[in-house]
Amino acid sequence: MNKITKLIKSDSNPEVKLPSAAGRASWAKADKYLCRLSVLVFLALVLFLLLAPRLWGLTFVTIMGGSMDPALPAGSIAVVQFVDNRDVGVGDVIAFSPEKEQNAVIVTHRVVEILDLDNVLTFQTKGDNNKEPDRNAVTSANVIGRVRFHIPLGGYIIHFIKQPLGYGLLICLPVIVIILLELKNIREQIHSAKKKGAARTQL
């Protein structure tokens, strides 16, 4: 009798369709793959930031101000590559240190003029948002390299990783996410097995 009642109800509402188990499973798989992909992308970015200086001789400069916005927005990371100073041209964005101290601030500004002062190659620089060029020209000895590209918001990631909490999460977070995904998968398999067992018992 109950089976007949269910059939009548389903026939009287043909437009109402409940999501199938296959549809729910496909969404669960997509969600799992997206989570894993996010973790892999994050790890790839971190590995690039850690290994690039040794493998390709790149330098990373965190952009703190807005003098080069929007070319280099605040909070981004400028990826700087060493080049011969003779290859630097007007319009290039270079990274340089105005002072020779070890922990001196690194500036990234655009070259607006190239000078030869007393047989020393010198670059006049200017921030894109600054009205006037920089007060002092940059000598070739103070040039670190030319900016190749930038990573938006990368500076915030580097700053966070340098903190104890950020470094701990960098090590533990991917492992925790993978464990949680596997536990979720195991729980779904157990739940599915219980449903199949209950269905067989009813038969």
Protein backbone atom coordinates (compact mmCIF):
# COMPACT_ATOMS: atom_id res chain seq x y z
CA MET A 1 0.00 0.00 0.00
CA ASN A 2 2.80 2.39 0.90
CA LYS A 3 4.50 1.72 -2.43
CA ILE A 4 1.28 2.53 -4.31
CA THR A 5 0.90 5.79 -2.34
CA LYS A 6 4.49 6.79 -3.21
CA LEU A 7 3.88 6.11 -6.88
CA ILE A 8 0.71 8.23 -6.87
CA LYS A 9 2.53 11.13 -5.20
CA SER A 10 5.40 10.99 -7.65
CA ASP A 11 3.01 10.90 -10.63
CA SER A 12 0.98 13.85 -9.32
CA ASN A 13 4.10 16.04 -9.09
CA PRO A 14 6.17 15.14 -12.13
CA GLU A 15 8.04 18.47 -12.13
CA VAL A 16 9.49 18.02 -8.63
CA LYS A 17 12.82 16.28 -8.98
CA LEU A 18 15.08 15.55 -6.06
CA PRO A 19 18.81 15.69 -6.65
CA SER A 20 20.13 12.27 -7.49
CA ALA A 21 22.85 10.53 -5.52
CA ALA A 22 25.09 10.71 -8.59
CA GLY A 23 24.62 14.49 -8.76
CA ARG A 24 25.48 14.93 -5.10
CA ALA A 25 28.53 12.70 -5.51
CA SER A 26 29.77 14.70 -8.50
CA TRP A 27 29.44 17.96 -6.56
CA ALA A 28 31.29 16.41 -3.61
CA LYS A 29 34.11 15.32 -5.92
CA ALA A 30 34.32 18.77 -7.52
CA ASP A 31 34.46 20.40 -4.09
CA LYS A 32 37.21 18.03 -3.00
CA TYR A 33 39.27 18.68 -6.14
CA LEU A 34 38.86 22.45 -5.78
CA CYS A 35 40.10 22.32 -2.19
CA ARG A 36 43.12 20.27 -3.20
CA LEU A 37 43.81 22.55 -6.15
CA SER A 38 43.75 25.61 -3.86
CA VAL A 39 46.25 23.96 -1.52
CA LEU A 40 48.53 23.02 -4.43
CA VAL A 41 48.41 26.54 -5.88
CA PHE A 42 49.27 28.02 -2.47
CA LEU A 43 52.16 25.60 -2.00
CA ALA A 44 53.43 26.27 -5.53
CA LEU A 45 53.44 30.01 -4.86
CA VAL A 46 55.29 29.58 -1.57
CA LEU A 47 57.86 27.23 -3.15
CA PHE A 48 58.40 29.71 -5.97
CA LEU A 49 59.02 32.52 -3.47
CA LEU A 50 61.44 30.35 -1.49
CA LEU A 51 63.37 28.71 -4.34
CA ALA A 52 63.40 31.34 -7.10
CA PRO A 53 66.24 33.41 -5.58
CA ARG A 54 68.55 30.38 -5.66
CA LEU A 55 67.41 28.81 -8.92
CA TRP A 56 67.00 31.88 -11.14
CA GLY A 57 68.77 34.64 -9.24
CA LEU A 58 65.58 36.58 -8.64
CA THR A 59 65.04 39.11 -5.86
CA PHE A 60 61.67 39.85 -4.30
CA VAL A 61 60.84 43.37 -3.21
CA THR A 62 57.71 44.08 -1.20
CA ILE A 63 55.97 47.24 -2.42
CA MET A 64 55.03 49.29 0.63
CA GLY A 65 53.87 52.59 -0.87
CA GLY A 66 51.70 53.71 -3.75
CA SER A 67 54.22 55.72 -5.75
CA MET A 68 54.13 53.13 -8.59
CA ASP A 69 50.42 52.32 -8.51
CA PRO A 70 48.83 50.80 -10.61
CA ALA A 71 51.95 49.31 -12.25
CA LEU A 72 53.14 48.09 -8.83
CA PRO A 73 50.28 48.36 -6.32
CA ALA A 74 50.95 48.50 -2.59
CA GLY A 75 51.12 45.08 -0.97
CA SER A 76 52.39 43.35 -4.09
CA ILE A 77 55.78 41.73 -4.65
CA ALA A 78 58.04 42.98 -7.42
CA VAL A 79 60.06 40.18 -8.99
CA VAL A 80 63.47 41.66 -9.80
CA GLN A 81 66.10 40.09 -12.03
CA PHE A 82 69.71 41.17 -12.25
CA VAL A 83 70.64 42.71 -15.61
CA ASP A 84 73.64 44.48 -16.99
CA ASN A 85 73.20 48.19 -16.37
CA ARG A 86 73.87 48.86 -20.04
CA ASP A 87 70.69 46.89 -20.86
CA VAL A 88 68.51 49.19 -18.76
CA GLY A 89 66.55 51.66 -20.85
CA VAL A 90 64.24 54.63 -20.33
CA GLY A 91 60.83 53.36 -19.24
CA ASP A 92 62.18 50.32 -17.37
CA VAL A 93 61.29 49.92 -13.70
CA ILE A 94 64.38 49.21 -11.64
CA ALA A 95 64.96 48.28 -8.02
CA PHE A 96 67.74 50.13 -6.28
CA SER A 97 69.05 50.92 -2.84
CA PRO A 98 69.76 54.62 -2.23
CA GLU A 99 72.13 53.66 0.58
CA LYS A 100 74.82 51.02 0.78
CA GLU A 101 73.84 49.68 4.19
CA GLN A 102 72.93 45.99 4.38
CA ASN A 103 69.34 46.57 5.53
CA ALA A 104 68.72 49.70 3.48
CA VAL A 105 65.29 50.35 1.99
CA ILE A 106 64.86 49.13 -1.59
CA VAL A 107 63.03 51.47 -3.97
CA THR A 108 61.34 50.50 -7.25
CA HIS A 109 60.90 53.46 -9.61
CA ARG A 110 60.81 54.01 -13.35
CA VAL A 111 63.85 55.24 -15.30
CA VAL A 112 63.05 58.57 -16.96
CA GLU A 113 66.56 59.55 -18.06
CA ILE A 114 69.98 57.94 -18.41
CA LEU A 115 73.04 60.09 -17.70
CA ASP A 116 76.76 59.62 -18.01
CA LEU A 117 78.34 61.57 -15.18
CA ASP A 118 82.13 61.39 -15.06
CA ASN A 119 82.09 58.12 -16.98
CA VAL A 120 79.67 56.64 -14.46
CA LEU A 121 76.31 55.37 -15.76
CA THR A 122 73.57 57.07 -13.76
CA PHE A 123 69.78 56.74 -13.86
CA GLN A 124 67.25 59.44 -13.11
CA THR A 125 64.18 57.75 -11.67
CA LYS A 126 60.64 58.75 -10.78
CA GLY A 127 57.58 57.14 -9.25
CA ASP A 128 54.63 56.99 -11.65
CA ASN A 129 52.44 58.81 -9.11
CA ASN A 130 55.09 61.32 -8.05
CA LYS A 131 55.01 64.80 -9.57
CA GLU A 132 58.76 65.27 -9.50
CA PRO A 133 61.69 62.94 -10.26
CA ASP A 134 63.68 61.51 -7.37
CA ARG A 135 66.03 64.03 -5.79
CA ASN A 136 69.18 61.96 -6.29
CA ALA A 137 70.10 60.05 -9.42
CA VAL A 138 70.88 56.35 -9.02
CA THR A 139 74.40 55.19 -9.79
CA SER A 140 74.92 51.84 -11.48
CA ALA A 141 76.51 50.46 -8.30
CA ASN A 142 73.22 50.87 -6.42
CA VAL A 143 71.03 49.16 -9.02
CA ILE A 144 69.78 45.74 -7.89
CA GLY A 145 68.00 44.76 -11.09
CA ARG A 146 65.06 45.31 -13.38
CA VAL A 147 61.50 44.48 -12.40
CA ARG A 148 60.19 41.62 -14.54
CA PHE A 149 56.66 41.31 -13.15
CA HIS A 150 54.77 41.56 -9.87
CA ILE A 151 52.61 39.27 -7.74
CA PRO A 152 49.49 41.07 -6.43
CA LEU A 153 49.02 40.82 -2.64
CA GLY A 154 52.17 38.70 -2.44
CA GLY A 155 53.74 41.10 0.04
CA TYR A 156 51.03 40.39 2.58
CA ILE A 157 51.68 36.64 2.20
CA ILE A 158 55.43 37.09 2.76
CA HIS A 159 54.82 39.31 5.78
CA PHE A 160 52.42 36.75 7.26
CA ILE A 161 54.80 33.83 6.61
CA LYS A 162 57.59 35.63 8.47
CA GLN A 163 55.45 35.69 11.62
CA PRO A 164 55.60 32.61 13.92
CA LEU A 165 51.89 31.91 13.39
CA GLY A 166 52.20 32.25 9.63
CA TYR A 167 55.23 29.96 9.46
CA GLY A 168 53.45 27.36 11.58
CA LEU A 169 50.37 27.47 9.36
CA LEU A 170 52.56 27.20 6.28
CA ILE A 171 53.88 23.89 7.58
CA CYS A 172 50.69 22.53 9.13
CA LEU A 173 47.80 23.90 7.06
CA PRO A 174 48.30 21.80 3.89
CA VAL A 175 48.65 18.64 6.00
CA ILE A 176 45.53 19.49 8.01
CA VAL A 177 43.50 20.19 4.86
CA ILE A 178 44.56 16.90 3.24
CA ILE A 179 43.74 14.95 6.43
CA LEU A 180 40.31 16.59 6.70
CA LEU A 181 39.54 15.81 3.05
CA GLU A 182 40.53 12.18 3.53
CA LEU A 183 38.45 11.91 6.73
CA LYS A 184 35.47 13.38 4.88
CA ASN A 185 35.96 10.87 2.07
CA ILE A 186 36.15 7.97 4.54
CA ARG A 187 33.00 9.17 6.33
CA GLU A 188 31.12 9.37 3.02
CA GLN A 189 32.22 5.84 2.09
CA ILE A 190 31.08 4.50 5.48
CA HIS A 191 27.74 6.31 5.14
CA SER A 192 27.27 4.90 1.64
CA ALA A 193 28.11 1.38 2.82
CA LYS A 194 25.56 1.66 5.64
CA LYS A 195 22.88 2.75 3.18
CA LYS A 196 23.63 -0.20 0.90
CA GLY A 197 23.52 -2.56 3.89
CA ALA A 198 20.18 -1.15 5.04
CA ALA A 199 18.74 -1.51 1.53
CA ARG A 200 19.83 -5.15 1.34
CA THR A 201 18.29 -5.84 4.77
CA GLN A 202 14.91 -4.44 3.63
CA LEU A 203 15.01 -6.69 0.56
